[in-house]
Protein backbone atom coordinates (compact mmCIF):
# COMPACT_ATOMS: atom_id res chain seq x y z
CA MET A 1 -15.11 0.71 -15.80
CA THR A 2 -17.85 0.80 -18.06
CA ARG A 3 -21.28 -0.89 -17.50
CA ASP A 4 -20.02 -3.81 -19.72
CA ASP A 5 -17.12 -4.32 -16.96
CA ILE A 6 -19.43 -5.23 -14.31
CA PRO A 7 -20.63 -9.06 -14.94
CA GLY A 8 -16.68 -10.19 -15.15
CA VAL A 9 -15.97 -7.54 -12.05
CA LEU A 10 -19.34 -9.16 -10.29
CA LEU A 11 -17.69 -12.67 -11.35
CA ALA A 12 -14.68 -11.41 -9.54
CA VAL A 13 -16.69 -10.17 -5.89
CA VAL A 14 -18.40 -14.08 -5.81
CA ILE A 15 -15.74 -15.76 -6.76
CA GLY A 16 -13.65 -14.45 -4.45
CA ALA A 17 -16.05 -14.05 -1.35
CA GLY A 18 -16.27 -18.15 -2.05
CA VAL A 19 -12.83 -18.18 -1.85
CA LEU A 20 -12.40 -15.88 1.32
CA TRP A 21 -15.55 -18.04 3.57
CA ASN A 22 -13.48 -21.37 2.56
CA VAL A 23 -9.86 -19.97 4.21
CA LEU A 24 -11.99 -18.03 6.85
CA GLY A 25 -14.69 -21.15 7.55
CA PRO A 26 -15.56 -22.44 10.79
CA ASP A 27 -13.11 -25.20 10.15
CA ALA A 28 -10.26 -23.84 7.94
CA LEU A 29 -8.40 -21.37 10.24
CA GLY A 30 -9.47 -22.44 13.95
CA GLY A 31 -7.08 -20.75 16.50
CA VAL A 32 -4.13 -20.24 14.32
CA ILE A 33 -4.52 -16.22 15.83
CA THR A 34 -5.34 -15.19 19.15
CA VAL A 35 -5.86 -11.89 20.19
CA SER A 36 -5.12 -11.00 23.68
CA GLY A 37 -8.68 -8.61 25.74
CA GLY A 38 -11.79 -10.25 23.84
CA LEU A 39 -14.37 -8.18 21.96
CA ILE A 40 -12.36 -4.79 22.55
CA GLY A 41 -9.10 -5.71 21.65
CA VAL A 42 -11.07 -7.66 18.29
CA ALA A 43 -12.27 -3.99 17.54
CA VAL A 44 -9.55 -2.08 17.76
CA TRP A 45 -7.59 -4.29 15.24
CA ALA A 46 -10.64 -4.35 13.29
CA GLY A 47 -10.26 -0.78 13.41
CA ALA A 48 -6.54 -0.14 12.91
CA VAL A 49 -6.46 -2.93 9.81
CA ALA A 50 -9.82 -0.89 8.64
CA ALA A 51 -7.71 1.87 9.01
CA GLY A 52 -4.80 1.11 7.59
CA VAL A 53 -6.32 -0.46 4.46
CA VAL A 54 -8.51 1.55 3.24
CA GLY A 55 -7.78 5.27 5.15
CA VAL A 56 -4.43 5.47 2.52
CA PRO A 57 -6.56 5.25 -0.92
CA ALA A 58 -9.25 7.11 0.53
CA TRP A 59 -6.77 10.08 1.25
CA TRP A 60 -4.85 9.46 -1.74
CA TRP A 61 -7.87 9.25 -4.26
CA GLY A 62 -10.30 11.76 -2.99
CA PRO A 63 -14.07 10.96 -1.38
CA VAL A 64 -15.10 13.22 -4.39
CA ARG A 65 -13.24 12.60 -7.93
CA VAL A 66 -14.13 12.47 -11.64
CA SER A 67 -12.34 11.65 -14.95
CA THR A 68 -10.57 14.55 -16.65
CA ALA A 69 -12.22 13.86 -19.71
CA ARG A 70 -15.31 13.78 -17.94
CA MET A 71 -14.92 17.16 -16.02
CA ARG A 72 -13.68 18.88 -19.52
CA TRP A 73 -16.87 17.04 -21.58
CA SER A 74 -19.58 16.82 -19.49
CA LEU A 75 -19.57 19.32 -16.36
CA VAL A 76 -17.90 22.68 -17.89
CA GLY A 77 -21.41 23.34 -18.98
CA PRO A 78 -24.58 26.04 -17.13
CA ALA A 79 -25.92 22.89 -15.45
CA HIS A 80 -25.19 21.98 -11.70
CA ARG A 81 -22.29 19.94 -10.94
CA GLU A 82 -23.74 19.07 -7.09
CA PRO A 83 -25.44 15.65 -8.73
CA ALA A 84 -22.60 14.22 -10.54
CA LEU A 85 -20.38 15.29 -7.76
CA GLY A 86 -22.89 13.97 -5.01
CA ALA A 87 -23.51 10.88 -7.11
CA ALA A 88 -19.58 10.06 -7.12
CA LEU A 89 -19.23 10.96 -3.20
CA VAL A 90 -21.55 8.53 -2.79
CA ARG A 91 -20.12 5.37 -5.44
CA VAL A 92 -16.76 6.43 -3.02
CA LEU A 93 -19.02 6.48 0.23
CA GLY A 94 -20.32 3.33 -0.26
CA VAL A 95 -16.82 0.94 -1.02
CA ILE A 96 -15.16 2.26 1.08
CA VAL A 97 -17.61 1.37 4.08
CA VAL A 98 -18.30 -1.95 2.13
CA SER A 99 -14.58 -2.48 2.01
CA GLY A 100 -14.00 -1.71 5.63
CA ALA A 101 -16.61 -4.15 6.77
CA ALA A 102 -15.10 -6.66 4.85
CA VAL A 103 -11.57 -5.36 6.53
CA GLY A 104 -13.62 -5.93 9.63
CA LEU A 105 -14.89 -8.79 8.93
CA ILE A 106 -11.64 -11.11 8.17
CA VAL A 107 -10.11 -9.65 11.35
CA GLY A 108 -13.03 -10.98 13.32
CA ALA A 109 -12.80 -14.27 11.44
CA LEU A 110 -9.07 -14.80 12.26
CA ALA A 111 -9.44 -13.70 15.76
CA ARG A 112 -13.04 -16.04 16.41
CA SER A 113 -11.16 -18.69 18.29
CA SER A 114 -9.50 -16.12 21.25
CA PRO A 115 -11.30 -15.69 24.38
CA GLY A 116 -14.63 -14.67 24.64
CA VAL A 117 -14.72 -13.65 20.72
CA GLY A 118 -16.89 -16.21 19.16
CA SER A 119 -19.86 -14.89 16.45
CA LEU A 120 -20.23 -11.74 18.20
CA GLY A 121 -16.69 -10.69 17.98
CA VAL A 122 -17.13 -11.59 14.06
CA GLY A 123 -20.30 -9.20 13.28
CA MET A 124 -18.67 -6.32 16.27
CA SER A 125 -15.46 -6.09 13.48
CA ALA A 126 -17.32 -6.07 10.48
CA VAL A 127 -19.49 -3.23 11.98
CA VAL A 128 -16.57 -1.80 13.54
CA GLY A 129 -14.57 -1.87 9.80
CA ALA A 130 -17.36 0.44 8.07
CA VAL A 131 -17.78 3.12 10.93
CA VAL A 132 -13.81 3.48 10.95
CA ALA A 133 -14.18 3.87 6.80
CA ALA A 134 -17.07 5.90 6.93
CA VAL A 135 -14.69 8.49 9.73
CA ILE A 136 -12.08 8.66 7.13
CA VAL A 137 -14.12 9.59 4.72
CA GLY A 138 -15.61 12.06 6.13
CA THR A 139 -12.40 13.09 7.30
CA ALA A 140 -10.84 12.86 3.56
CA LEU A 141 -13.70 14.82 2.74
CA LEU A 142 -13.11 17.47 4.84
CA ALA A 143 -9.50 17.75 3.77
CA GLN A 144 -10.41 18.25 0.30
CA MET A 145 -12.58 21.13 1.00
CA ARG A 146 -9.84 22.60 2.55
CA ARG A 147 -7.64 22.20 -0.45
CA SER A 148 -10.54 23.47 -2.31
CA ALA A 149 -10.93 26.49 -0.87
CA ARG A 150 -6.65 27.22 -0.69
CA LEU A 151 -7.08 27.26 -4.26
CA SER A 152 -10.72 29.41 -4.59
CA PRO A 153 -10.25 33.15 -4.58
CA GLY A 154 -10.49 34.56 -1.66
CA GLY A 155 -10.39 31.23 0.27
CA ALA A 156 -14.01 30.84 0.31
CA VAL A 157 -15.39 27.40 1.60
CA ARG A 158 -17.51 26.89 -1.39
CA PRO A 159 -20.45 24.44 -2.03
CA ILE A 160 -19.47 20.58 -3.58
CA GLY A 161 -20.61 21.64 -7.17
CA ARG A 162 -18.35 25.09 -7.08
CA TRP A 163 -15.23 22.81 -5.64
CA HIS A 164 -12.33 23.99 -7.95
CA ARG A 165 -11.30 21.52 -10.29
CA ARG A 166 -7.91 20.56 -9.48
CA VAL A 167 -9.23 19.55 -6.19
CA VAL A 168 -11.86 17.25 -8.81
CA SER A 169 -10.29 15.82 -11.21
CA PRO A 170 -6.82 16.43 -10.62
CA VAL A 171 -4.08 15.47 -12.87
CA ASP A 172 -1.88 12.94 -10.81
CA GLY A 173 -1.66 9.85 -13.14
CA LEU A 174 -3.81 8.00 -10.66
CA ALA A 175 -6.70 6.69 -12.26
CA ALA A 176 -4.30 5.13 -14.35
CA ALA A 177 -2.37 4.08 -11.76
CA GLY A 178 -5.05 2.05 -10.29
CA THR A 179 -6.09 0.89 -13.76
CA LEU A 180 -3.14 -0.92 -14.19
CA LEU A 181 -3.14 -1.80 -10.19
CA LEU A 182 -6.62 -3.50 -11.21
CA MET A 183 -4.99 -5.19 -13.99
CA THR A 184 -1.91 -6.04 -13.24
CA ALA A 185 -2.21 -6.63 -9.47
CA ASP A 186 1.09 -4.89 -8.96
CA THR A 187 1.63 -1.76 -6.63
CA GLU A 188 4.13 0.04 -8.65
CA PHE A 189 2.15 2.17 -10.69
CA VAL A 190 0.09 3.44 -7.36
CA GLU A 191 3.42 4.69 -6.01
CA HIS A 192 5.12 5.92 -9.15
CA ALA A 193 1.71 8.11 -9.42
CA ARG A 194 2.02 9.28 -5.72
CA ARG A 195 5.63 10.00 -5.79
CA VAL A 196 5.04 11.92 -8.82
CA ARG A 197 2.22 13.86 -6.68
CA TRP A 198 4.44 14.62 -4.26
CA CYS A 199 7.20 16.07 -6.53
CA ALA A 200 4.76 18.55 -8.16
CA GLY A 201 3.94 20.07 -4.95
CA HIS A 202 7.58 20.40 -3.70
CA SER A 203 9.19 21.61 -6.66
CA VAL A 204 11.04 23.70 -4.70
CA SER A 205 13.54 22.93 -2.05
CA PRO A 206 16.50 24.34 -0.78
CA SER A 207 19.93 22.39 -1.92
CA ARG A 208 22.02 21.03 0.19
CA ALA A 209 26.34 20.21 -1.08
CA VAL A 210 26.62 16.67 -0.62
CA ALA A 211 29.83 16.51 -3.15
CA SER A 212 33.18 14.49 -1.25
CA THR A 213 35.90 12.32 -2.40
CA SER A 214 33.57 9.55 -2.30
CA VAL A 215 31.07 8.77 -5.12
CA VAL A 216 29.39 6.40 -3.08
CA TRP A 217 29.45 8.48 -0.05
CA SER A 218 27.98 11.28 -1.77
CA MET A 219 25.23 9.10 -3.36
CA PHE A 220 24.00 8.08 0.17
CA ARG A 221 23.99 11.94 1.42
CA ALA A 222 21.91 12.42 -1.69
CA ASP A 223 19.25 9.60 -0.14
CA VAL A 224 19.58 10.66 3.09
CA VAL A 225 18.56 14.62 2.28
CA ARG A 226 16.12 13.08 -0.15
CA LEU A 227 14.46 11.17 2.87
CA ARG A 228 14.46 14.37 5.40
CA ARG A 229 12.61 15.98 2.22
CA ARG A 230 9.71 12.67 2.21
CA PRO A 231 8.78 12.07 5.70
CA GLY A 232 5.93 10.20 4.61
CA ASP A 233 8.41 7.36 4.05
CA LEU A 234 9.16 7.03 7.18
CA LEU A 235 5.88 7.48 8.69
CA ALA A 236 5.43 4.45 6.86
CA TRP A 237 8.41 2.55 8.34
CA ALA A 238 7.11 3.93 12.00
CA ALA A 239 3.98 2.19 10.87
CA VAL A 240 5.64 -0.93 9.92
CA VAL A 241 7.54 -1.14 13.22
CA ALA A 242 4.11 0.27 15.35
CA LEU A 243 2.06 -3.21 13.29
CA THR A 244 5.12 -5.57 14.53
CA ALA A 245 5.38 -4.47 18.14
CA ALA A 246 1.49 -5.06 18.35
CA LEU A 247 1.47 -8.29 16.66
CA GLY A 248 3.65 -9.10 19.40
CA LEU A 249 2.78 -7.64 22.58
CA THR A 250 -1.32 -8.06 21.81
CA THR A 251 -1.40 -11.27 20.04
CA SER A 252 -0.89 -15.06 19.78
CA VAL A 253 0.21 -16.91 16.55
CA SER A 254 0.41 -20.58 16.61
CA ALA A 255 1.38 -21.11 12.83
CA GLY A 256 2.93 -18.67 10.01
CA ALA A 257 4.34 -16.06 12.44
CA PRO A 258 8.16 -15.94 10.65
CA ALA A 259 5.99 -15.69 7.55
CA VAL A 260 3.92 -12.73 8.75
CA LEU A 261 7.16 -11.16 9.66
CA ALA A 262 9.27 -11.87 6.13
CA LEU A 263 6.58 -9.57 4.75
CA LEU A 264 6.21 -6.82 7.77
CA GLY A 265 10.29 -6.36 6.88
CA TYR A 266 9.64 -6.69 3.36
CA ARG A 267 7.32 -3.84 3.85
CA ALA A 268 9.45 -1.93 6.43
CA ALA A 269 12.81 -2.09 3.72
CA GLY A 270 10.40 -0.87 0.91
CA ALA A 271 8.98 2.10 2.95
CA VAL A 272 12.67 3.73 2.82
CA ALA A 273 13.91 1.99 -0.25
CA SER A 274 12.42 5.24 -2.93
CA GLY A 275 15.92 6.37 -3.57
CA LEU A 276 17.08 3.08 -4.93
CA ARG A 277 14.20 2.85 -7.06
CA THR A 278 13.50 6.29 -8.59
CA VAL A 279 17.50 5.94 -9.69
CA THR A 280 16.98 2.38 -11.41
CA THR A 281 13.90 3.18 -12.81
CA THR A 282 15.14 6.67 -14.52
CA PRO A 283 17.40 5.66 -17.03
CA ALA A 284 18.65 8.92 -17.89
CA LEU A 285 19.15 9.80 -13.88
CA ARG A 286 21.30 6.79 -13.74
CA ARG A 287 23.40 7.57 -16.66
CA SER A 288 24.14 11.44 -15.71
CA LEU A 289 25.46 9.41 -12.12
CA ALA A 290 28.38 8.06 -14.18
CA VAL A 291 28.80 5.49 -11.62
CA SER A 292 28.83 2.01 -11.75
CA ASP A 293 25.39 0.15 -11.10
CA ALA A 294 27.32 -1.84 -8.18
CA GLN A 295 27.93 1.88 -6.60
CA MET A 296 24.67 2.40 -7.06
CA VAL A 297 23.03 -0.06 -5.70
CA LEU A 298 25.91 0.01 -2.39
CA ALA A 299 25.06 3.66 -2.38
CA HIS A 300 21.08 3.46 -2.34
CA SER A 301 21.33 0.38 -0.08
CA VAL A 302 22.28 1.68 3.43
CA ILE A 303 18.99 2.91 4.48
CA PRO A 304 16.71 0.11 3.54
CA ALA A 305 19.03 -2.14 5.32
CA THR A 306 19.65 0.00 8.31
CA ALA A 307 16.02 0.09 8.35
CA VAL A 308 15.51 -3.64 8.77
CA VAL A 309 17.87 -3.79 11.15
CA ALA A 310 15.74 -1.64 12.97
CA TRP A 311 12.81 -3.22 12.83
CA THR A 312 14.38 -6.52 13.42
CA VAL A 313 15.70 -5.19 17.01
CA ALA A 314 12.23 -3.68 18.12
CA ALA A 315 10.52 -7.19 16.60
CA THR A 316 12.89 -9.25 18.52
CA MET A 317 11.97 -7.94 21.54
CA THR A 318 8.09 -7.72 21.49
CA VAL A 319 7.69 -10.61 19.17
CA SER A 320 8.56 -14.79 21.18
CA GLY A 321 8.83 -17.97 19.65
CA VAL A 322 10.74 -17.81 16.80
CA SER A 323 14.51 -19.23 16.56
CA PRO A 324 17.36 -16.66 16.52
CA LEU A 325 18.28 -18.78 13.00
CA ALA A 326 14.59 -17.80 11.18
CA TRP A 327 15.48 -13.95 12.52
CA ALA A 328 18.75 -14.13 10.65
CA VAL A 329 17.00 -15.75 7.82
CA ILE A 330 14.35 -13.17 8.14
CA ALA A 331 16.70 -10.04 8.28
CA ILE A 332 19.28 -10.98 5.41
CA GLY A 333 16.28 -12.48 3.59
CA VAL A 334 14.02 -9.27 3.31
CA VAL A 335 16.63 -7.24 2.53
CA VAL A 336 17.90 -9.56 -0.50
CA ALA A 337 14.45 -9.82 -1.40
CA ALA A 338 13.93 -5.51 -1.32
CA LEU A 339 16.93 -4.45 -3.19
CA ARG A 340 15.32 -6.97 -5.88
CA ARG A 341 12.14 -5.46 -5.91
CA THR A 342 13.56 -1.74 -6.24
CA THR A 343 16.41 -2.58 -8.94
CA ARG A 344 13.95 -4.56 -10.67
CA PRO A 345 14.45 -3.06 -15.18
CA GLU A 346 11.58 -1.24 -16.66
CA LEU A 347 9.01 -4.37 -17.55
CA PRO A 348 8.90 -6.13 -20.82
CA TRP A 349 5.43 -5.78 -22.04
CA ASP A 350 6.77 -7.35 -25.48
CA ALA A 351 7.06 -10.33 -24.16
CA PRO A 352 6.37 -13.67 -26.16
CA VAL A 353 3.15 -14.69 -26.02
CA TYR A 354 1.98 -17.87 -25.17
CA VAL A 355 -1.80 -19.47 -26.07
CA THR A 356 -2.55 -21.46 -23.43
CA GLY A 357 -5.92 -23.10 -25.56
CA GLN A 358 -9.54 -22.04 -25.09
CA GLY A 359 -8.46 -18.41 -25.63
CA GLY A 360 -6.34 -18.01 -22.64
CA VAL A 361 -3.12 -16.42 -23.54
CA ALA A 362 -0.34 -16.09 -21.15
CA GLN A 363 3.37 -13.83 -21.07
CA PRO A 364 5.17 -15.96 -18.47
CA LEU A 365 8.12 -13.45 -18.88
CA LEU A 366 6.33 -10.41 -18.07
CA LEU A 367 4.43 -12.13 -15.33
CA LEU A 368 7.84 -13.26 -13.54
CA ALA A 369 9.34 -9.44 -14.07
CA LEU A 370 5.96 -8.31 -12.32
CA LEU A 371 6.62 -10.55 -9.41
CA ARG A 372 10.54 -9.63 -8.92
CA GLY A 373 11.02 -9.20 -5.06
CA HIS A 374 7.69 -11.26 -4.32
CA ILE A 375 9.02 -14.47 -5.27
CA ALA A 376 12.00 -14.29 -2.63
CA VAL A 377 9.85 -12.91 0.35
CA VAL A 378 7.80 -15.70 -0.29
CA VAL A 379 10.91 -17.86 -0.61
CA VAL A 380 12.19 -16.48 2.53
CA ALA A 381 8.83 -16.82 4.31
CA VAL A 382 9.01 -20.42 3.85
CA VAL A 383 12.55 -21.01 4.83
CA ALA A 384 12.09 -18.98 8.39
CA CYS A 385 8.58 -21.24 8.57
CA LEU A 386 10.74 -24.46 8.58
CA MET A 387 13.47 -23.46 11.40
């Protein structure tokens, strides 16, 4: 982001704050969500949500980070790097703390109608979110320091100005992916950069024989091996299950509970569907398998479908107030939506551009491609709420 982008960003922040104020105002959501435990329960939820929202980006991005171009051309001279890297750390710290406070404020506003919460709970939630975000930054900073020490000669811990450049300015594609995320609101770019970063650190793995008489069975076994090599996907799925159970045990949603469950189920399926996403978005790999699209989708859909079934069983044991028909719609619908998302073809960047007037342009086909799967889960959520 350059200085010319600052007015647009500030305008977007002001408009977003106005929308949130109207949505979360005193008369907007009333008693939609009730949290048990009073102030302590709301504070715990604020901290947990803030950790989930800002923790993962802070961990993957790193508190101290500069672009590769700046590191190569501006920070290679004899001058010390401490001022530049310290300023980068302060900027990231400010953004993450403000984001954590905003997340906590939203959680407190949603639960302000709970017994014993009120306006005090809203303010305390914002403070808790900011504190949790600051702790996350500190933890990620220590981890970044240890990574730099491992890459440095002798493994010695050095000041921030002498950290290894691969830690301060890694070539992992996250910067470009973050830019595309801001432009398109599509998280697939960040997911792809995350997979590439993981592959860069796990280029050698013990081979296992997966051949069998059935092509579908061989691809399924290969997908199981992939999931075992990437336990982070299982951890993300377990986090969704834990969040669903916590919602059912500690909160009460008077309206829209099936919609929330549909979104959680959609995330549970997507967390373990990277195998199908990889073969779909890699034409060379897909052609090398020499199988039909139906066989490929069938083999790689077993794990996401099983994950949704397990999530549904855990959710039905903890969440009440949802009809069996709604549960069936959610379970089947989120699997279909997740498969549509993971089998999304290459984006049509050359789609026709339509001039909407006053200098505005739109690409409807590109927008529909970006929203593939998301539209399906919204339809599922609406249908489930009507059951």
